[in-house]
N, C-alpha and C. Protein backbone atom coordinates (compact mmCIF):
# COMPACT_ATOMS: atom_id res chain seq x y z
N MET A 1 23.12 74.96 -63.83
CA MET A 1 22.27 75.61 -63.85
C MET A 1 20.83 75.31 -62.63
N GLU A 2 20.87 75.59 -62.06
CA GLU A 2 19.19 75.26 -61.22
C GLU A 2 17.80 76.13 -61.81
N ASN A 3 16.81 75.17 -61.93
CA ASN A 3 16.01 75.96 -62.47
C ASN A 3 15.38 76.31 -61.48
N TYR A 4 14.90 77.65 -61.38
CA TYR A 4 14.15 78.28 -59.92
C TYR A 4 12.72 78.95 -61.33
N SER A 5 11.20 79.02 -60.77
CA SER A 5 10.42 79.29 -60.73
C SER A 5 10.15 80.37 -60.11
N THR A 6 9.04 81.58 -60.44
CA THR A 6 8.78 82.54 -59.80
C THR A 6 7.59 81.45 -59.46
N TRP A 7 7.01 81.90 -58.37
CA TRP A 7 5.56 81.89 -57.94
C TRP A 7 4.50 83.38 -58.20
N ASN A 8 3.08 82.84 -58.17
CA ASN A 8 2.24 84.34 -58.61
C ASN A 8 2.60 85.52 -58.01
N ASP A 9 2.96 85.31 -56.29
CA ASP A 9 2.94 86.79 -55.15
C ASP A 9 4.18 87.05 -56.07
N GLY A 10 5.31 86.86 -56.88
CA GLY A 10 6.36 87.05 -56.87
C GLY A 10 7.51 86.69 -56.51
N SER A 11 7.77 85.86 -55.78
CA SER A 11 9.09 85.42 -54.39
C SER A 11 9.65 84.23 -55.37
N MET A 12 10.72 83.99 -56.08
CA MET A 12 11.36 82.82 -56.31
C MET A 12 10.94 81.69 -54.90
N LYS A 13 10.95 80.72 -55.54
CA LYS A 13 11.23 79.30 -55.17
C LYS A 13 12.62 78.65 -55.06
N ARG A 14 12.65 77.91 -54.40
CA ARG A 14 14.48 77.52 -54.02
C ARG A 14 14.46 76.42 -53.54
N PRO A 15 15.48 75.40 -53.61
CA PRO A 15 15.28 73.86 -53.00
C PRO A 15 14.27 73.97 -51.62
N PRO A 16 14.25 73.15 -51.73
CA PRO A 16 13.61 72.74 -50.30
C PRO A 16 14.05 72.45 -49.16
N GLU A 17 14.35 73.18 -48.26
CA GLU A 17 15.38 72.75 -47.15
C GLU A 17 14.55 72.63 -45.91
N LYS A 18 14.72 71.34 -44.95
CA LYS A 18 13.94 71.54 -43.79
C LYS A 18 14.87 71.80 -42.73
N TYR A 19 14.52 72.73 -41.41
CA TYR A 19 15.25 73.58 -40.36
C TYR A 19 14.28 73.08 -38.99
N VAL A 20 14.60 72.55 -38.33
CA VAL A 20 14.64 73.17 -36.68
C VAL A 20 14.81 73.89 -35.92
N VAL A 21 13.83 74.78 -35.52
CA VAL A 21 14.07 76.21 -34.83
C VAL A 21 14.82 75.93 -33.10
N SER A 22 15.33 76.35 -32.18
CA SER A 22 15.94 75.76 -30.78
C SER A 22 15.52 77.35 -30.68
N ILE A 23 14.47 77.81 -29.74
CA ILE A 23 13.81 79.33 -29.33
C ILE A 23 13.57 79.17 -27.63
N ASP A 24 14.01 79.91 -26.94
CA ASP A 24 13.56 79.92 -25.39
C ASP A 24 12.18 80.19 -25.53
N GLU A 25 11.36 79.64 -24.75
CA GLU A 25 9.87 79.93 -24.60
C GLU A 25 9.60 81.06 -24.55
N VAL A 26 10.39 82.43 -23.53
CA VAL A 26 10.50 83.49 -23.79
C VAL A 26 10.41 84.57 -25.05
N ARG A 27 10.98 84.20 -25.50
CA ARG A 27 10.84 85.01 -27.12
C ARG A 27 10.21 83.98 -28.35
N PHE A 28 9.45 83.43 -27.31
CA PHE A 28 8.74 82.61 -28.80
C PHE A 28 7.56 82.97 -29.47
N GLY A 29 7.30 84.51 -28.23
CA GLY A 29 5.95 85.55 -29.11
C GLY A 29 6.51 85.64 -29.85
N ALA A 30 8.16 86.48 -29.68
CA ALA A 30 8.26 87.67 -30.68
C ALA A 30 8.37 86.85 -32.24
N PHE A 31 8.74 85.15 -32.13
CA PHE A 31 9.27 85.17 -33.58
C PHE A 31 7.09 84.70 -34.00
N TYR A 32 7.00 83.91 -33.33
CA TYR A 32 5.58 84.32 -33.84
C TYR A 32 4.82 85.63 -34.69
N LEU A 33 5.45 86.77 -33.71
CA LEU A 33 5.08 87.71 -34.16
C LEU A 33 6.10 88.27 -35.94
N CYS A 34 7.00 88.25 -36.08
CA CYS A 34 7.63 88.11 -36.94
C CYS A 34 7.35 87.23 -37.70
N TRP A 35 6.36 86.25 -37.60
CA TRP A 35 5.91 85.29 -38.67
C TRP A 35 4.97 84.87 -39.42
N LEU A 36 3.83 86.71 -38.78
CA LEU A 36 3.06 86.94 -38.80
C LEU A 36 2.99 88.65 -39.91
N GLN A 37 4.17 89.45 -39.10
CA GLN A 37 4.55 89.92 -40.12
C GLN A 37 4.79 90.29 -41.74
N TYR A 38 6.01 88.70 -42.18
CA TYR A 38 5.80 88.05 -43.25
C TYR A 38 5.04 87.36 -43.63
N ASP A 39 3.72 88.00 -43.13
CA ASP A 39 2.51 86.90 -43.61
C ASP A 39 2.84 85.61 -43.72
N LYS A 40 2.81 85.02 -42.62
CA LYS A 40 2.69 82.92 -42.81
C LYS A 40 3.43 82.17 -43.98
N PRO A 41 4.96 82.70 -43.84
CA PRO A 41 4.99 82.24 -44.77
C PRO A 41 5.59 80.84 -45.89
N CYS A 42 5.77 80.00 -43.98
CA CYS A 42 5.65 78.64 -44.27
C CYS A 42 4.55 78.15 -43.34
N GLU A 43 4.58 77.17 -42.95
CA GLU A 43 3.81 76.43 -42.09
C GLU A 43 5.03 76.29 -40.93
N LEU A 44 4.12 76.15 -40.15
CA LEU A 44 5.01 76.07 -38.94
C LEU A 44 4.19 74.74 -37.47
N THR A 45 5.79 74.09 -37.70
CA THR A 45 4.83 72.59 -36.91
C THR A 45 5.78 72.48 -35.13
N LEU A 46 4.89 72.74 -33.95
CA LEU A 46 6.18 73.08 -32.78
C LEU A 46 5.68 70.97 -32.29
N ARG A 47 7.34 71.70 -31.55
CA ARG A 47 8.30 69.58 -31.35
C ARG A 47 8.52 69.66 -29.81
N LYS A 48 8.25 69.00 -29.27
CA LYS A 48 8.46 68.27 -28.62
C LYS A 48 10.25 69.05 -28.23
N PRO A 49 10.72 70.19 -27.59
CA PRO A 49 12.29 69.72 -27.32
C PRO A 49 12.98 69.15 -26.65
N HIS A 50 14.06 68.85 -26.38
CA HIS A 50 14.97 67.94 -25.31
C HIS A 50 15.43 68.91 -23.84
N SER A 51 15.20 69.89 -24.62
CA SER A 51 15.78 71.36 -22.93
C SER A 51 14.51 71.61 -22.50
N GLU A 52 14.60 71.46 -21.21
CA GLU A 52 13.36 72.31 -20.38
C GLU A 52 13.85 73.97 -20.92
N GLY A 53 12.53 74.58 -21.63
CA GLY A 53 12.44 75.99 -21.09
C GLY A 53 12.39 76.24 -22.28
N LEU A 54 12.34 75.26 -23.43
CA LEU A 54 12.81 75.93 -25.28
C LEU A 54 11.70 75.31 -25.90
N THR A 55 11.27 75.99 -26.72
CA THR A 55 10.72 75.46 -28.00
C THR A 55 11.13 75.21 -29.44
N ALA A 56 10.63 73.86 -29.40
CA ALA A 56 11.24 73.91 -31.04
C ALA A 56 9.59 73.70 -32.14
N VAL A 57 10.79 74.83 -32.92
CA VAL A 57 10.06 75.13 -34.41
C VAL A 57 10.41 74.09 -35.38
N ALA A 58 9.64 73.44 -35.94
CA ALA A 58 10.09 72.57 -37.99
C ALA A 58 9.01 73.31 -38.86
N LEU A 59 10.33 74.05 -39.78
CA LEU A 59 10.18 74.36 -40.75
C LEU A 59 10.12 74.13 -42.24
N VAL A 60 9.91 74.41 -43.22
CA VAL A 60 10.98 73.39 -44.10
C VAL A 60 10.98 74.92 -45.54
N VAL A 61 12.24 75.58 -45.53
CA VAL A 61 12.52 76.78 -46.46
C VAL A 61 12.03 76.56 -47.92
N GLU A 62 11.27 77.09 -48.47
CA GLU A 62 11.50 76.63 -50.29
C GLU A 62 11.14 77.95 -50.73
N SER A 63 10.98 79.13 -50.13
CA SER A 63 11.04 80.57 -51.36
C SER A 63 12.50 81.92 -50.97
N ASP A 64 12.59 82.53 -51.04
CA ASP A 64 13.11 83.67 -50.95
C ASP A 64 12.62 84.11 -49.73
N GLU A 65 10.99 84.32 -49.42
CA GLU A 65 10.62 84.98 -48.64
C GLU A 65 10.70 84.02 -47.48
N THR A 66 9.96 83.02 -47.03
CA THR A 66 10.81 82.00 -46.31
C THR A 66 12.00 82.27 -45.43
N ALA A 67 13.16 82.52 -46.26
CA ALA A 67 14.79 82.37 -46.28
C ALA A 67 14.82 83.68 -45.36
N ASP A 68 13.93 84.92 -45.94
CA ASP A 68 14.14 86.42 -45.06
C ASP A 68 13.97 86.45 -44.29
N PHE A 69 12.14 85.78 -44.08
CA PHE A 69 11.76 85.91 -42.77
C PHE A 69 12.74 84.95 -41.28
N LEU A 70 13.38 83.90 -41.72
CA LEU A 70 13.49 82.68 -41.10
C LEU A 70 14.97 83.56 -40.46
N TRP A 71 15.78 84.26 -41.19
CA TRP A 71 16.52 85.41 -40.90
C TRP A 71 16.75 86.12 -39.74
N LYS A 72 15.14 87.11 -40.57
CA LYS A 72 15.17 88.06 -39.30
C LYS A 72 14.57 87.67 -37.98
N ALA A 73 13.90 86.70 -38.15
CA ALA A 73 13.69 86.34 -37.00
C ALA A 73 14.65 85.11 -35.83
N LYS A 74 15.86 85.25 -36.44
CA LYS A 74 17.06 84.79 -35.38
C LYS A 74 17.96 86.24 -34.94
N GLU A 75 17.59 87.32 -36.18
CA GLU A 75 18.49 88.20 -35.78
C GLU A 75 17.52 88.91 -34.73
N VAL A 76 16.66 88.66 -34.31
CA VAL A 76 15.35 89.30 -33.80
C VAL A 76 15.66 88.55 -32.67
N THR A 77 15.55 87.43 -32.40
CA THR A 77 15.39 85.92 -30.98
C THR A 77 16.43 85.89 -30.41
N GLY A 78 17.09 85.62 -30.94
CA GLY A 78 18.27 84.95 -31.18
C GLY A 78 18.35 83.90 -30.77
N CYS A 79 17.31 82.74 -31.58
CA CYS A 79 17.28 81.89 -31.85
C CYS A 79 18.41 80.43 -32.16
N LYS A 80 18.46 79.16 -32.35
CA LYS A 80 18.93 78.73 -32.85
C LYS A 80 18.66 78.18 -34.40
N LEU A 81 19.46 78.16 -35.03
CA LEU A 81 18.99 77.13 -36.48
C LEU A 81 19.54 76.22 -36.41
N TYR A 82 19.22 75.35 -36.62
CA TYR A 82 19.23 73.77 -36.96
C TYR A 82 18.75 73.19 -38.42
N ARG A 83 20.25 72.63 -38.98
CA ARG A 83 19.23 72.54 -40.54
C ARG A 83 19.03 70.29 -40.60
N MET A 84 18.12 70.34 -40.70
CA MET A 84 17.80 69.17 -40.64
C MET A 84 18.51 67.95 -42.17
N GLN A 85 18.91 66.99 -41.79
CA GLN A 85 19.73 65.93 -42.61
C GLN A 85 18.91 64.39 -42.15
N CYS A 86 18.82 63.80 -43.39
CA CYS A 86 18.54 62.79 -43.36
C CYS A 86 19.88 61.11 -44.04
N HIS A 87 19.53 60.49 -42.56
CA HIS A 87 20.89 59.98 -43.66
C HIS A 87 20.05 58.24 -43.38
N GLU A 88 20.16 57.63 -44.40
CA GLU A 88 19.96 56.22 -44.60
C GLU A 88 21.31 55.20 -44.09
N THR A 89 20.97 54.71 -43.24
CA THR A 89 21.38 53.71 -42.81
C THR A 89 20.85 52.29 -43.05
N ILE A 90 21.84 50.99 -43.14
CA ILE A 90 20.90 49.86 -43.55
C ILE A 90 21.13 48.71 -42.49
N SER A 91 20.12 48.30 -41.33
CA SER A 91 19.96 47.19 -40.36
C SER A 91 19.97 46.06 -41.13
N ARG A 92 20.22 45.05 -39.65
CA ARG A 92 20.05 43.51 -40.34
C ARG A 92 18.72 43.75 -40.61
N ARG A 93 17.38 44.34 -40.19
CA ARG A 93 16.28 44.08 -40.78
C ARG A 93 15.73 44.64 -42.14
N GLY A 94 16.39 45.55 -42.61
CA GLY A 94 16.69 45.98 -43.47
C GLY A 94 16.80 47.92 -43.94
N ASN A 95 15.94 48.34 -44.63
CA ASN A 95 16.39 50.15 -44.46
C ASN A 95 16.36 50.48 -43.63
N SER A 96 16.47 51.62 -42.46
CA SER A 96 15.79 52.37 -42.17
C SER A 96 16.44 53.55 -42.00
N ASN A 97 16.13 54.81 -41.47
CA ASN A 97 16.20 56.28 -41.67
C ASN A 97 16.76 57.20 -39.93
N ARG A 98 17.44 57.47 -40.14
CA ARG A 98 17.91 58.15 -38.96
C ARG A 98 18.36 59.84 -39.32
N ARG A 99 17.34 60.62 -38.40
CA ARG A 99 17.96 61.92 -38.60
C ARG A 99 18.99 62.50 -37.66
N GLY A 100 19.44 63.66 -38.43
CA GLY A 100 20.35 64.69 -38.19
C GLY A 100 20.60 65.81 -38.40
N PHE A 101 21.40 66.87 -37.18
CA PHE A 101 21.08 68.18 -37.11
C PHE A 101 22.34 68.81 -37.32
N GLN A 102 22.48 70.02 -38.37
CA GLN A 102 23.54 70.02 -38.62
C GLN A 102 23.17 71.75 -37.68
N PRO A 103 24.06 72.27 -37.23
CA PRO A 103 23.88 73.69 -36.87
C PRO A 103 24.14 74.78 -37.95
N VAL A 104 23.08 76.12 -37.69
CA VAL A 104 23.43 76.82 -38.79
C VAL A 104 24.13 78.08 -37.98
N GLY A 105 25.01 79.06 -38.35
CA GLY A 105 25.11 80.38 -37.99
C GLY A 105 25.36 80.44 -36.83
């Protein structure tokens, strides 16, 4: 059984998982409002998206509060979630990392 600790605010800590949120620029305001309503449960990092008209947001889910925020934001905005995975590959020059994205729900 994994060891989970409780933070001072009472939320349950969980193993960190990195996500990228792909959201329409028009709906980003609703995503941000949801983040504010959940009292800014995590850091948001805006990233350059690969598609016109979309915004990409990177975040790390480390608590139940952050997970609740992310699922509520998905419900409200219809954004797409991708779990980030790092795959290590070995090249001729040595070790290098390659990131992969796995769609969620």
